[in-house]
């Protein structure tokens, strides 16, 4: 997903993976699965098949941990900030964990076209010292939208051809 905000002096582009559900909805699904599962396990435990109860608890715990992990991974963000003099890229989960800052005049785009029509092009921002890939988790439409936002702002420094691999 690509969102933008523009002020008089800067453009901020936020890139994030598509979310199919919120953490709150995941908790409700987990509750809807836990109540019958643990209820049935409790009935079996009451009739003497007590080993079922810990396995039902482990199953619900594993599902909860998995849902939390997926939700946490979907909180990943790339924030690209273009001001008059600088280009800043922040990557991280709830706060920036890694930051790059380039001089706007020396910055450019590196575009590698897609190998398959379903993929989006690979986009990197670079200066004369370092290159940073952005939006690798975006789908094709979002990747093309990002490219449309960045092309008027930065020059295209590198446009390479896709690798020719034969399967």
Protein backbone atom coordinates (compact mmCIF):
# COMPACT_ATOMS: atom_id res chain seq x y z
CA UNK A 1 0.00 0.00 0.00
CA UNK A 2 1.34 3.44 -0.93
CA UNK A 3 0.20 6.60 0.85
CA UNK A 4 1.50 10.12 0.36
CA UNK A 5 1.38 13.46 2.09
CA UNK A 6 2.72 16.62 0.54
CA UNK A 7 3.49 19.93 2.17
CA UNK A 8 5.01 23.01 0.62
CA UNK A 9 8.57 21.88 1.32
CA UNK A 10 8.46 18.08 1.32
CA UNK A 11 6.84 14.92 0.02
CA UNK A 12 6.44 11.92 2.30
CA UNK A 13 5.68 8.48 0.82
CA UNK A 14 4.79 5.63 3.18
CA UNK A 15 5.03 2.06 1.87
CA UNK A 16 3.52 -0.82 3.80
CA UNK A 17 2.40 -4.38 3.06
CA UNK A 18 -1.28 -5.02 2.46
CA UNK A 19 -3.17 -6.02 5.62
CA UNK A 20 -5.94 -8.57 5.27
CA UNK A 21 -7.04 -8.14 8.88
CA UNK A 22 -6.29 -6.08 11.98
CA UNK A 23 -4.80 -7.49 15.18
CA UNK A 24 -8.15 -6.96 16.91
CA UNK A 25 -9.95 -9.08 14.28
CA UNK A 26 -7.27 -11.77 14.63
CA UNK A 27 -7.89 -11.83 18.38
CA UNK A 28 -11.62 -12.31 17.78
CA UNK A 29 -10.95 -15.21 15.38
CA UNK A 30 -8.61 -16.76 17.93
CA UNK A 31 -11.29 -16.43 20.62
CA UNK A 32 -13.92 -17.92 18.30
CA UNK A 33 -11.65 -20.94 17.72
CA UNK A 34 -10.42 -21.26 21.32
CA UNK A 35 -13.80 -21.40 23.06
CA UNK A 36 -15.16 -24.48 21.22
CA UNK A 37 -11.78 -26.20 21.06
CA UNK A 38 -11.02 -25.80 24.75
CA UNK A 39 -14.66 -26.52 25.63
CA UNK A 40 -14.59 -29.86 23.82
CA UNK A 41 -11.19 -30.64 25.35
CA UNK A 42 -12.61 -29.90 28.83
CA UNK A 43 -15.52 -32.30 28.21
CA UNK A 44 -13.08 -35.03 27.17
CA UNK A 45 -10.93 -34.27 30.24
CA UNK A 46 -14.03 -34.58 32.44
CA UNK A 47 -14.64 -38.10 31.05
CA UNK A 48 -11.06 -39.15 31.71
CA UNK A 49 -9.25 -38.27 28.48
CA UNK A 50 -7.27 -35.49 30.19
CA UNK A 51 -4.23 -35.60 27.77
CA UNK A 52 -6.38 -33.83 25.18
CA UNK A 53 -6.56 -30.64 27.25
CA UNK A 54 -2.84 -29.66 27.10
CA UNK A 55 -2.72 -30.40 23.36
CA UNK A 56 -5.74 -28.19 22.73
CA UNK A 57 -4.05 -25.43 24.75
CA UNK A 58 -0.82 -25.84 22.79
CA UNK A 59 -2.72 -25.73 19.51
CA UNK A 60 -4.47 -22.46 20.41
CA UNK A 61 -1.21 -21.00 21.75
CA UNK A 62 0.64 -21.89 18.53
CA UNK A 63 -2.13 -20.32 16.44
CA UNK A 64 -2.06 -17.16 18.59
CA UNK A 65 1.73 -16.84 18.31
CA UNK A 66 1.54 -17.37 14.54
CA UNK A 67 -1.16 -14.73 14.11
CA UNK A 68 0.82 -12.27 16.23
CA UNK A 69 4.01 -12.89 14.25
CA UNK A 70 2.26 -12.36 10.91
CA UNK A 71 0.58 -9.19 12.18
CA UNK A 72 3.93 -7.89 13.46
CA UNK A 73 5.59 -8.57 10.08
CA UNK A 74 2.80 -6.62 8.36
CA UNK A 75 3.64 -3.54 10.43
CA UNK A 76 6.86 -3.08 8.41
CA UNK A 77 7.17 0.34 6.79
CA UNK A 78 9.38 2.20 4.36
CA UNK A 79 9.07 5.98 4.68
CA UNK A 80 10.61 8.04 1.87
CA UNK A 81 10.86 11.75 2.60
CA UNK A 82 11.86 14.12 -0.19
CA UNK A 83 12.68 17.68 0.80
CA UNK A 84 14.28 20.45 -1.25
CA UNK A 85 17.82 19.44 -0.23
CA UNK A 86 17.62 15.85 1.07
CA UNK A 87 16.22 12.39 0.43
CA UNK A 88 15.62 10.32 3.56
CA UNK A 89 14.65 6.65 3.71
CA UNK A 90 13.46 5.09 6.98
CA UNK A 91 12.80 1.36 7.34
CA UNK A 92 11.39 -0.34 10.39
CA UNK A 93 8.46 -1.77 12.26
CA UNK A 94 6.81 0.64 14.70
CA UNK A 95 9.72 3.10 14.56
CA UNK A 96 12.65 3.55 12.15
CA UNK A 97 15.29 0.87 12.70
CA UNK A 98 17.51 1.89 9.80
CA UNK A 99 17.82 5.32 8.16
CA UNK A 100 19.63 6.56 5.05
CA UNK A 101 20.00 10.19 4.06
CA UNK A 102 21.16 11.30 0.62
CA UNK A 103 21.77 14.71 -0.90
CA UNK A 104 18.79 15.33 -3.19
CA UNK A 105 20.95 16.68 -6.03
CA UNK A 106 23.07 13.48 -6.08
CA UNK A 107 20.13 11.06 -5.68
CA UNK A 108 18.55 9.03 -8.43
CA UNK A 109 16.37 6.02 -9.16
CA UNK A 110 17.59 2.58 -10.15
CA UNK A 111 14.86 0.59 -11.90
CA UNK A 112 15.06 -3.07 -12.84
CA UNK A 113 12.07 -4.20 -14.92
CA UNK A 114 10.10 -7.23 -13.84
CA UNK A 115 10.95 -10.74 -15.06
CA UNK A 116 7.30 -11.82 -15.09
CA UNK A 117 4.15 -9.79 -15.89
CA UNK A 118 2.77 -10.42 -12.38
CA UNK A 119 5.82 -8.90 -10.68
CA UNK A 120 6.51 -5.23 -10.24
CA UNK A 121 9.79 -3.57 -11.17
CA UNK A 122 12.55 -3.48 -8.58
CA UNK A 123 13.12 0.08 -7.34
CA UNK A 124 16.19 1.39 -5.54
CA UNK A 125 17.22 4.88 -4.53
CA UNK A 126 20.90 5.71 -4.62
CA UNK A 127 23.60 8.32 -4.61
CA UNK A 128 27.24 7.95 -5.62
CA UNK A 129 28.08 5.86 -2.50
CA UNK A 130 25.13 3.66 -1.57
CA UNK A 131 21.99 2.05 -2.96
CA UNK A 132 18.83 1.23 -0.97
CA UNK A 133 16.04 -0.98 -2.32
CA UNK A 134 12.53 0.17 -1.47
CA UNK A 135 9.10 -1.40 -1.73
CA UNK A 136 10.22 -4.99 -2.28
CA UNK A 137 7.04 -6.19 -0.53
CA UNK A 138 4.69 -4.20 -2.79
CA UNK A 139 2.42 -5.81 -5.36
CA UNK A 140 2.68 -4.80 -9.02
CA UNK A 141 0.06 -2.03 -8.94
CA UNK A 142 1.52 -0.45 -5.80
CA UNK A 143 5.03 -0.72 -7.23
CA UNK A 144 3.96 1.10 -10.40
CA UNK A 145 2.22 3.74 -8.28
CA UNK A 146 5.44 4.28 -6.32
CA UNK A 147 7.38 4.58 -9.55
CA UNK A 148 4.89 7.16 -10.84
CA UNK A 149 5.38 9.19 -7.66
CA UNK A 150 9.18 9.03 -7.72
CA UNK A 151 9.87 9.64 -11.43
CA UNK A 152 8.87 13.33 -11.42
CA UNK A 153 10.88 13.89 -8.23
CA UNK A 154 14.17 12.10 -9.02
CA UNK A 155 16.12 11.41 -12.18
CA UNK A 156 16.42 7.84 -13.39
CA UNK A 157 20.10 7.02 -12.93
CA UNK A 158 20.00 3.34 -13.83
CA UNK A 159 17.50 1.37 -15.89
CA UNK A 160 18.75 -2.17 -16.26
CA UNK A 161 17.30 -5.07 -18.18
CA UNK A 162 15.80 -8.05 -16.37
CA UNK A 163 18.03 -11.08 -16.10
CA UNK A 164 17.47 -13.71 -18.78
CA UNK A 165 16.95 -16.97 -16.92
CA UNK A 166 15.67 -20.05 -18.67
CA UNK A 167 13.82 -22.70 -16.76
